[in-house]
């Protein structure tokens, strides 16, 4: 009976140590996975912050460009008004010359 009891104790001890070893191995796997996830998250956050910095530069450049575009638009509107005035003057002079040409005798 003592031998069977000792054998059962040893089997139980081996099973317990095996289970404890499995728990330790799994805990180490979880620890490594957590550390890996943390590193990846930090790299990802760093990449996002870098891209946000680039976007901020582009937005400020776009704001500067918007001011330049407004100035160019004002110049364009002034040029269009001048074109309208010159076009009207050309039409008036053409009609006057056309009327003179009609009254001028031809050979």
C-alpha atoms as a PDB file:
ATOM      1  CA  UNK A   1       0.000   0.000   0.000  1.00  0.00           C
ATOM      2  CA  UNK A   2       2.908   2.324   0.749  1.00  0.00           C
ATOM      3  CA  UNK A   3       4.338   1.820  -2.702  1.00  0.00           C
ATOM      4  CA  UNK A   4       1.027   2.632  -4.412  1.00  0.00           C
ATOM      5  CA  UNK A   5       0.639   5.711  -2.245  1.00  0.00           C
ATOM      6  CA  UNK A   6       4.176   6.836  -3.047  1.00  0.00           C
ATOM      7  CA  UNK A   7       3.559   6.177  -6.758  1.00  0.00           C
ATOM      8  CA  UNK A   8       0.332   8.222  -6.683  1.00  0.00           C
ATOM      9  CA  UNK A   9       2.148  11.008  -4.864  1.00  0.00           C
ATOM     10  CA  UNK A  10       4.941  11.058  -7.455  1.00  0.00           C
ATOM     11  CA  UNK A  11       2.445  11.025 -10.365  1.00  0.00           C
ATOM     12  CA  UNK A  12       0.534  13.890  -8.734  1.00  0.00           C
ATOM     13  CA  UNK A  13       3.757  15.782  -8.094  1.00  0.00           C
ATOM     14  CA  UNK A  14       4.864  15.277 -11.709  1.00  0.00           C
ATOM     15  CA  UNK A  15       1.451  16.437 -12.989  1.00  0.00           C
ATOM     16  CA  UNK A  16       1.579  19.486 -10.720  1.00  0.00           C
ATOM     17  CA  UNK A  17       5.111  20.381 -11.798  1.00  0.00           C
ATOM     18  CA  UNK A  18       4.167  19.859 -15.449  1.00  0.00           C
ATOM     19  CA  UNK A  19       1.124  22.114 -15.014  1.00  0.00           C
ATOM     20  CA  UNK A  20       3.218  24.714 -13.237  1.00  0.00           C
ATOM     21  CA  UNK A  21       5.794  24.574 -16.021  1.00  0.00           C
ATOM     22  CA  UNK A  22       3.035  25.003 -18.620  1.00  0.00           C
ATOM     23  CA  UNK A  23       1.641  28.001 -16.723  1.00  0.00           C
ATOM     24  CA  UNK A  24       5.128  29.555 -16.566  1.00  0.00           C
ATOM     25  CA  UNK A  25       5.703  29.010 -20.300  1.00  0.00           C
ATOM     26  CA  UNK A  26       2.303  30.511 -21.152  1.00  0.00           C
ATOM     27  CA  UNK A  27       2.897  33.451 -18.813  1.00  0.00           C
ATOM     28  CA  UNK A  28       6.226  34.137 -20.545  1.00  0.00           C
ATOM     29  CA  UNK A  29       4.498  33.970 -23.939  1.00  0.00           C
ATOM     30  CA  UNK A  30       1.898  36.474 -22.749  1.00  0.00           C
ATOM     31  CA  UNK A  31       4.667  38.717 -21.361  1.00  0.00           C
ATOM     32  CA  UNK A  32       6.573  38.628 -24.649  1.00  0.00           C
ATOM     33  CA  UNK A  33       3.415  39.273 -26.663  1.00  0.00           C
ATOM     34  CA  UNK A  34       2.559  42.219 -24.416  1.00  0.00           C
ATOM     35  CA  UNK A  35       6.033  43.713 -24.819  1.00  0.00           C
ATOM     36  CA  UNK A  36       5.891  43.195 -28.589  1.00  0.00           C
ATOM     37  CA  UNK A  37       2.469  44.846 -28.753  1.00  0.00           C
ATOM     38  CA  UNK A  38       3.740  47.754 -26.686  1.00  0.00           C
ATOM     39  CA  UNK A  39       6.718  48.271 -29.023  1.00  0.00           C
ATOM     40  CA  UNK A  40       4.480  48.092 -32.103  1.00  0.00           C
ATOM     41  CA  UNK A  41       2.028  50.558 -30.587  1.00  0.00           C
ATOM     42  CA  UNK A  42       4.824  52.983 -29.742  1.00  0.00           C
ATOM     43  CA  UNK A  43       6.189  52.741 -33.298  1.00  0.00           C
ATOM     44  CA  UNK A  44       2.692  53.234 -34.691  1.00  0.00           C
ATOM     45  CA  UNK A  45       2.080  56.256 -32.470  1.00  0.00           C
ATOM     46  CA  UNK A  46       5.441  57.684 -33.526  1.00  0.00           C
ATOM     47  CA  UNK A  47       4.534  57.188 -37.196  1.00  0.00           C
ATOM     48  CA  UNK A  48       1.158  58.867 -36.683  1.00  0.00           C
ATOM     49  CA  UNK A  49       2.778  61.817 -34.912  1.00  0.00           C
ATOM     50  CA  UNK A  50       5.306  62.161 -37.737  1.00  0.00           C
ATOM     51  CA  UNK A  51       2.520  62.124 -40.324  1.00  0.00           C
ATOM     52  CA  UNK A  52       0.500  64.651 -38.306  1.00  0.00           C
ATOM     53  CA  UNK A  53       3.547  66.931 -38.274  1.00  0.00           C
ATOM     54  CA  UNK A  54       3.734  66.656 -42.057  1.00  0.00           C
ATOM     55  CA  UNK A  55       0.027  67.387 -42.347  1.00  0.00           C
ATOM     56  CA  UNK A  56       0.413  70.463 -40.141  1.00  0.00           C
ATOM     57  CA  UNK A  57       3.121  71.763 -42.464  1.00  0.00           C
ATOM     58  CA  UNK A  58       0.914  71.155 -45.487  1.00  0.00           C
ATOM     59  CA  UNK A  59      -2.058  72.886 -43.854  1.00  0.00           C
ATOM     60  CA  UNK A  60       0.032  75.942 -43.021  1.00  0.00           C
ATOM     61  CA  UNK A  61       1.381  75.957 -46.567  1.00  0.00           C
ATOM     62  CA  UNK A  62      -2.170  75.674 -47.879  1.00  0.00           C
ATOM     63  CA  UNK A  63      -3.210  78.637 -45.719  1.00  0.00           C
ATOM     64  CA  UNK A  64      -0.351  80.685 -47.182  1.00  0.00           C
ATOM     65  CA  UNK A  65      -1.282  79.533 -50.663  1.00  0.00           C
ATOM     66  CA  UNK A  66      -4.909  80.491 -50.028  1.00  0.00           C
ATOM     67  CA  UNK A  67      -3.792  84.081 -49.353  1.00  0.00           C
ATOM     68  CA  UNK A  68      -1.802  84.096 -52.567  1.00  0.00           C
ATOM     69  CA  UNK A  69      -4.785  82.673 -54.439  1.00  0.00           C
ATOM     70  CA  UNK A  70      -7.028  85.425 -53.083  1.00  0.00           C
ATOM     71  CA  UNK A  71      -4.558  88.059 -54.293  1.00  0.00           C
ATOM     72  CA  UNK A  72      -4.341  86.367 -57.705  1.00  0.00           C
ATOM     73  CA  UNK A  73      -8.135  86.217 -57.900  1.00  0.00           C
ATOM     74  CA  UNK A  74      -8.353  89.951 -57.166  1.00  0.00           C
ATOM     75  CA  UNK A  75      -5.815  90.634 -59.948  1.00  0.00           C
ATOM     76  CA  UNK A  76      -7.782  88.390 -62.304  1.00  0.00           C
ATOM     77  CA  UNK A  77     -11.030  90.226 -61.567  1.00  0.00           C
ATOM     78  CA  UNK A  78      -9.309  93.559 -62.197  1.00  0.00           C
ATOM     79  CA  UNK A  79      -7.925  92.226 -65.476  1.00  0.00           C
ATOM     80  CA  UNK A  80     -11.380  90.996 -66.508  1.00  0.00           C
ATOM     81  CA  UNK A  81     -12.860  94.426 -65.807  1.00  0.00           C
ATOM     82  CA  UNK A  82     -10.118  96.002 -67.932  1.00  0.00           C
ATOM     83  CA  UNK A  83     -10.811  93.467 -70.671  1.00  0.00           C
ATOM     84  CA  UNK A  84     -14.493  94.385 -70.585  1.00  0.00           C
ATOM     85  CA  UNK A  85     -13.672  98.079 -70.875  1.00  0.00           C
ATOM     86  CA  UNK A  86     -11.169  97.541 -73.697  1.00  0.00           C
ATOM     87  CA  UNK A  87     -13.552  95.198 -75.478  1.00  0.00           C
ATOM     88  CA  UNK A  88     -16.333  97.770 -75.311  1.00  0.00           C
ATOM     89  CA  UNK A  89     -13.949 100.457 -76.597  1.00  0.00           C
ATOM     90  CA  UNK A  90     -12.879  98.186 -79.446  1.00  0.00           C
ATOM     91  CA  UNK A  91     -16.509  97.560 -80.338  1.00  0.00           C
ATOM     92  CA  UNK A  92     -17.236 101.303 -80.325  1.00  0.00           C
ATOM     93  CA  UNK A  93     -14.217 102.096 -82.505  1.00  0.00           C
ATOM     94  CA  UNK A  94     -15.032  99.227 -84.878  1.00  0.00           C
ATOM     95  CA  UNK A  95     -18.563 100.435 -85.346  1.00  0.00           C
ATOM     96  CA  UNK A  96     -17.321 103.998 -85.915  1.00  0.00           C
ATOM     97  CA  UNK A  97     -14.748 102.845 -88.465  1.00  0.00           C
ATOM     98  CA  UNK A  98     -17.334 100.630 -90.097  1.00  0.00           C
ATOM     99  CA  UNK A  99     -19.680 103.588 -90.431  1.00  0.00           C
ATOM    100  CA  UNK A 100     -16.906 105.741 -91.884  1.00  0.00           C
ATOM    101  CA  UNK A 101     -15.950 102.975 -94.258  1.00  0.00           C
ATOM    102  CA  UNK A 102     -19.497 102.728 -95.479  1.00  0.00           C
ATOM    103  CA  UNK A 103     -19.632 106.463 -96.240  1.00  0.00           C
ATOM    104  CA  UNK A 104     -16.149 106.707 -97.759  1.00  0.00           C
ATOM    105  CA  UNK A 105     -16.342 106.393-101.493  1.00  0.00           C
ATOM    106  CA  UNK A 106     -14.474 103.523-103.119  1.00  0.00           C
ATOM    107  CA  UNK A 107     -13.048 103.465-106.578  1.00  0.00           C
END
